[in-house]
Amino acid sequence: MSKELRFLIVDDFSTMRRIVRNLLKESGYADADEAEDGVAALQKLRNSTFDFVVSDINMPNMNGFQLLAEIKKDDKLKHLPVLMVTAEARKEDIVLAAQQGAAGYIVKPFTKATLEDKVNHILTKTGLK
């Protein structure tokens, strides 16, 4: 990989953030930061540089769909691939995520292989890899 990619992991459960961070690290992506909701994530995205966002959907203050909408309407952020993560595999959520510009969607619980495959596919598709 030409450069170290920086990930932002957004989830209201610290345990889930830690799991995602560890899985990314095991997959070779060691540079990650965390945010506990969409509000905190947006602040970090606007004040720092990230290459990829992994976001839960169900969170307080600002959920994953609201965060995705904010990212996609911000000229400085809209290029960022956003991988949506949720505990619910509702078809309408998957469709909504795709319509709003999410780069991908995975359902909890997921394995390292699932996360790695999805991230690599998105990175290839977006030209980051």
C-alpha atoms as a PDB file:
ATOM      1  CA  MET A   1       0.000   0.000   0.000  1.00  0.00           C
ATOM      2  CA  SER A   2       1.345   3.381  -0.994  1.00  0.00           C
ATOM      3  CA  LYS A   3       0.262   5.255   2.107  1.00  0.00           C
ATOM      4  CA  GLU A   4      -1.019   4.532   5.556  1.00  0.00           C
ATOM      5  CA  LEU A   5      -4.777   4.967   5.485  1.00  0.00           C
ATOM      6  CA  ARG A   6      -6.453   6.696   8.412  1.00  0.00           C
ATOM      7  CA  PHE A   7      -9.763   5.287   9.632  1.00  0.00           C
ATOM      8  CA  LEU A   8     -12.443   6.848  11.811  1.00  0.00           C
ATOM      9  CA  ILE A   9     -14.519   4.311  13.734  1.00  0.00           C
ATOM     10  CA  VAL A  10     -17.890   5.656  14.883  1.00  0.00           C
ATOM     11  CA  ASP A  11     -19.950   3.664  17.381  1.00  0.00           C
ATOM     12  CA  ASP A  12     -21.652   4.495  20.663  1.00  0.00           C
ATOM     13  CA  PHE A  13     -20.263   1.325  22.291  1.00  0.00           C
ATOM     14  CA  SER A  14     -16.581   1.562  23.189  1.00  0.00           C
ATOM     15  CA  THR A  15     -16.283  -2.240  23.054  1.00  0.00           C
ATOM     16  CA  MET A  16     -17.467  -2.265  19.449  1.00  0.00           C
ATOM     17  CA  ARG A  17     -15.041   0.530  18.528  1.00  0.00           C
ATOM     18  CA  ARG A  18     -12.223  -1.470  20.092  1.00  0.00           C
ATOM     19  CA  ILE A  19     -13.239  -4.635  18.213  1.00  0.00           C
ATOM     20  CA  VAL A  20     -13.347  -2.816  14.868  1.00  0.00           C
ATOM     21  CA  ARG A  21     -10.043  -1.078  15.602  1.00  0.00           C
ATOM     22  CA  ASN A  22      -8.367  -4.411  16.468  1.00  0.00           C
ATOM     23  CA  LEU A  23      -9.775  -6.114  13.360  1.00  0.00           C
ATOM     24  CA  LEU A  24      -8.519  -3.263  11.183  1.00  0.00           C
ATOM     25  CA  LYS A  25      -5.111  -3.458  12.846  1.00  0.00           C
ATOM     26  CA  GLU A  26      -4.962  -7.221  12.207  1.00  0.00           C
ATOM     27  CA  SER A  27      -5.820  -6.463   8.579  1.00  0.00           C
ATOM     28  CA  GLY A  28      -2.888  -4.062   8.299  1.00  0.00           C
ATOM     29  CA  TYR A  29      -4.681  -0.784   8.988  1.00  0.00           C
ATOM     30  CA  ALA A  30      -3.194   0.448  12.244  1.00  0.00           C
ATOM     31  CA  ASP A  31      -4.041   4.157  12.000  1.00  0.00           C
ATOM     32  CA  ALA A  32      -7.515   4.626  13.458  1.00  0.00           C
ATOM     33  CA  ASP A  33      -9.326   7.137  15.624  1.00  0.00           C
ATOM     34  CA  GLU A  34     -12.686   6.776  17.337  1.00  0.00           C
ATOM     35  CA  ALA A  35     -15.841   8.798  17.891  1.00  0.00           C
ATOM     36  CA  GLU A  36     -18.822   7.894  20.081  1.00  0.00           C
ATOM     37  CA  ASP A  37     -21.505   9.385  17.813  1.00  0.00           C
ATOM     38  CA  GLY A  38     -22.073  11.292  14.587  1.00  0.00           C
ATOM     39  CA  VAL A  39     -21.641  14.699  16.224  1.00  0.00           C
ATOM     40  CA  ALA A  40     -18.181  13.819  17.570  1.00  0.00           C
ATOM     41  CA  ALA A  41     -17.307  12.088  14.282  1.00  0.00           C
ATOM     42  CA  LEU A  42     -18.203  15.122  12.192  1.00  0.00           C
ATOM     43  CA  GLN A  43     -16.093  17.356  14.416  1.00  0.00           C
ATOM     44  CA  LYS A  44     -13.097  15.019  14.028  1.00  0.00           C
ATOM     45  CA  LEU A  45     -13.634  14.700  10.270  1.00  0.00           C
ATOM     46  CA  ARG A  46     -13.693  18.473   9.859  1.00  0.00           C
ATOM     47  CA  ASN A  47     -10.633  19.055  12.048  1.00  0.00           C
ATOM     48  CA  SER A  48      -8.386  16.251  10.855  1.00  0.00           C
ATOM     49  CA  THR A  49      -7.706  14.105   7.797  1.00  0.00           C
ATOM     50  CA  PHE A  50      -9.225  10.666   7.367  1.00  0.00           C
ATOM     51  CA  ASP A  51      -9.396   8.274   4.431  1.00  0.00           C
ATOM     52  CA  PHE A  52     -12.206   5.960   5.501  1.00  0.00           C
ATOM     53  CA  VAL A  53     -15.164   5.973   7.909  1.00  0.00           C
ATOM     54  CA  VAL A  54     -16.640   2.891   9.579  1.00  0.00           C
ATOM     55  CA  SER A  55     -19.901   3.949  11.203  1.00  0.00           C
ATOM     56  CA  ASP A  56     -22.583   2.285  13.255  1.00  0.00           C
ATOM     57  CA  ILE A  57     -26.133   3.247  12.274  1.00  0.00           C
ATOM     58  CA  ASN A  58     -27.962   3.298  15.623  1.00  0.00           C
ATOM     59  CA  MET A  59     -26.376   5.955  17.831  1.00  0.00           C
ATOM     60  CA  PRO A  60     -27.626   8.812  20.024  1.00  0.00           C
ATOM     61  CA  ASN A  61     -27.288  12.518  19.077  1.00  0.00           C
ATOM     62  CA  MET A  62     -26.605  11.876  15.382  1.00  0.00           C
ATOM     63  CA  ASN A  63     -27.107   8.435  13.873  1.00  0.00           C
ATOM     64  CA  GLY A  64     -25.131   6.837  11.054  1.00  0.00           C
ATOM     65  CA  PHE A  65     -27.544   7.920   8.321  1.00  0.00           C
ATOM     66  CA  GLN A  66     -27.451  11.521   9.546  1.00  0.00           C
ATOM     67  CA  LEU A  67     -23.645  11.381   9.673  1.00  0.00           C
ATOM     68  CA  LEU A  68     -23.527   9.915   6.157  1.00  0.00           C
ATOM     69  CA  ALA A  69     -25.787  12.721   4.876  1.00  0.00           C
ATOM     70  CA  GLU A  70     -23.552  15.361   6.513  1.00  0.00           C
ATOM     71  CA  ILE A  71     -20.409  13.792   5.021  1.00  0.00           C
ATOM     72  CA  LYS A  72     -21.924  13.595   1.529  1.00  0.00           C
ATOM     73  CA  LYS A  73     -23.050  17.238   1.491  1.00  0.00           C
ATOM     74  CA  ASP A  74     -19.658  18.558   2.675  1.00  0.00           C
ATOM     75  CA  ASP A  75     -17.330  19.272  -0.273  1.00  0.00           C
ATOM     76  CA  LYS A  76     -14.248  18.514   1.833  1.00  0.00           C
ATOM     77  CA  LEU A  77     -15.612  15.165   3.077  1.00  0.00           C
ATOM     78  CA  LYS A  78     -17.897  13.793   0.354  1.00  0.00           C
ATOM     79  CA  HIS A  79     -15.084  11.776  -1.258  1.00  0.00           C
ATOM     80  CA  LEU A  80     -14.727   9.660   1.909  1.00  0.00           C
ATOM     81  CA  PRO A  81     -15.904   6.057   1.673  1.00  0.00           C
ATOM     82  CA  VAL A  82     -18.311   5.224   4.498  1.00  0.00           C
ATOM     83  CA  LEU A  83     -18.865   1.622   5.571  1.00  0.00           C
ATOM     84  CA  MET A  84     -22.110   1.297   7.531  1.00  0.00           C
ATOM     85  CA  VAL A  85     -22.289  -1.217  10.371  1.00  0.00           C
ATOM     86  CA  THR A  86     -25.487  -2.290  12.094  1.00  0.00           C
ATOM     87  CA  ALA A  87     -26.974  -5.003  14.226  1.00  0.00           C
ATOM     88  CA  GLU A  88     -30.098  -5.027  12.080  1.00  0.00           C
ATOM     89  CA  ALA A  89     -30.123  -6.436   8.559  1.00  0.00           C
ATOM     90  CA  ARG A  90     -33.239  -4.583   7.455  1.00  0.00           C
ATOM     91  CA  LYS A  91     -33.516  -4.402   3.700  1.00  0.00           C
ATOM     92  CA  GLU A  92     -34.750  -0.812   3.797  1.00  0.00           C
ATOM     93  CA  ASP A  93     -31.639   0.211   5.780  1.00  0.00           C
ATOM     94  CA  ILE A  94     -29.356  -1.416   3.202  1.00  0.00           C
ATOM     95  CA  VAL A  95     -31.218   0.330   0.368  1.00  0.00           C
ATOM     96  CA  LEU A  96     -31.186   3.670   2.211  1.00  0.00           C
ATOM     97  CA  ALA A  97     -27.467   3.363   2.944  1.00  0.00           C
ATOM     98  CA  ALA A  98     -26.748   2.716  -0.749  1.00  0.00           C
ATOM     99  CA  GLN A  99     -29.032   5.554  -1.884  1.00  0.00           C
ATOM    100  CA  GLN A 100     -27.333   7.979   0.495  1.00  0.00           C
ATOM    101  CA  GLY A 101     -23.902   7.094  -0.850  1.00  0.00           C
ATOM    102  CA  ALA A 102     -22.548   4.566   1.648  1.00  0.00           C
ATOM    103  CA  ALA A 103     -19.688   2.579   0.143  1.00  0.00           C
ATOM    104  CA  GLY A 104     -20.793  -0.621   1.862  1.00  0.00           C
ATOM    105  CA  TYR A 105     -22.798  -2.244   4.623  1.00  0.00           C
ATOM    106  CA  ILE A 106     -22.046  -5.039   7.098  1.00  0.00           C
ATOM    107  CA  VAL A 107     -24.144  -6.601   9.816  1.00  0.00           C
ATOM    108  CA  LYS A 108     -22.946  -7.298  13.384  1.00  0.00           C
ATOM    109  CA  PRO A 109     -21.582  -9.645  14.459  1.00  0.00           C
ATOM    110  CA  PHE A 110     -19.029  -9.913  11.677  1.00  0.00           C
ATOM    111  CA  THR A 111     -15.682 -11.647  11.289  1.00  0.00           C
ATOM    112  CA  LYS A 112     -12.270 -10.215  10.500  1.00  0.00           C
ATOM    113  CA  ALA A 113     -12.589 -11.752   7.016  1.00  0.00           C
ATOM    114  CA  THR A 114     -15.914 -10.004   6.376  1.00  0.00           C
ATOM    115  CA  LEU A 115     -14.582  -6.604   7.476  1.00  0.00           C
ATOM    116  CA  GLU A 116     -11.301  -7.068   5.606  1.00  0.00           C
ATOM    117  CA  ASP A 117     -13.047  -8.152   2.384  1.00  0.00           C
ATOM    118  CA  LYS A 118     -15.490  -5.240   2.521  1.00  0.00           C
ATOM    119  CA  VAL A 119     -12.784  -2.661   3.310  1.00  0.00           C
ATOM    120  CA  ASN A 120     -10.464  -3.995   0.573  1.00  0.00           C
ATOM    121  CA  HIS A 121     -13.302  -4.059  -1.955  1.00  0.00           C
ATOM    122  CA  ILE A 122     -14.214  -0.445  -1.141  1.00  0.00           C
ATOM    123  CA  LEU A 123     -10.572   0.695  -1.246  1.00  0.00           C
ATOM    124  CA  THR A 124     -10.118  -0.949  -4.641  1.00  0.00           C
ATOM    125  CA  LYS A 125     -13.386   0.494  -5.962  1.00  0.00           C
ATOM    126  CA  THR A 126     -12.515   4.015  -4.779  1.00  0.00           C
ATOM    127  CA  GLY A 127      -8.919   3.847  -5.976  1.00  0.00           C
ATOM    128  CA  LEU A 128      -7.402   4.133  -2.503  1.00  0.00           C
ATOM    129  CA  LYS A 129      -5.684   0.767  -2.861  1.00  0.00           C
END
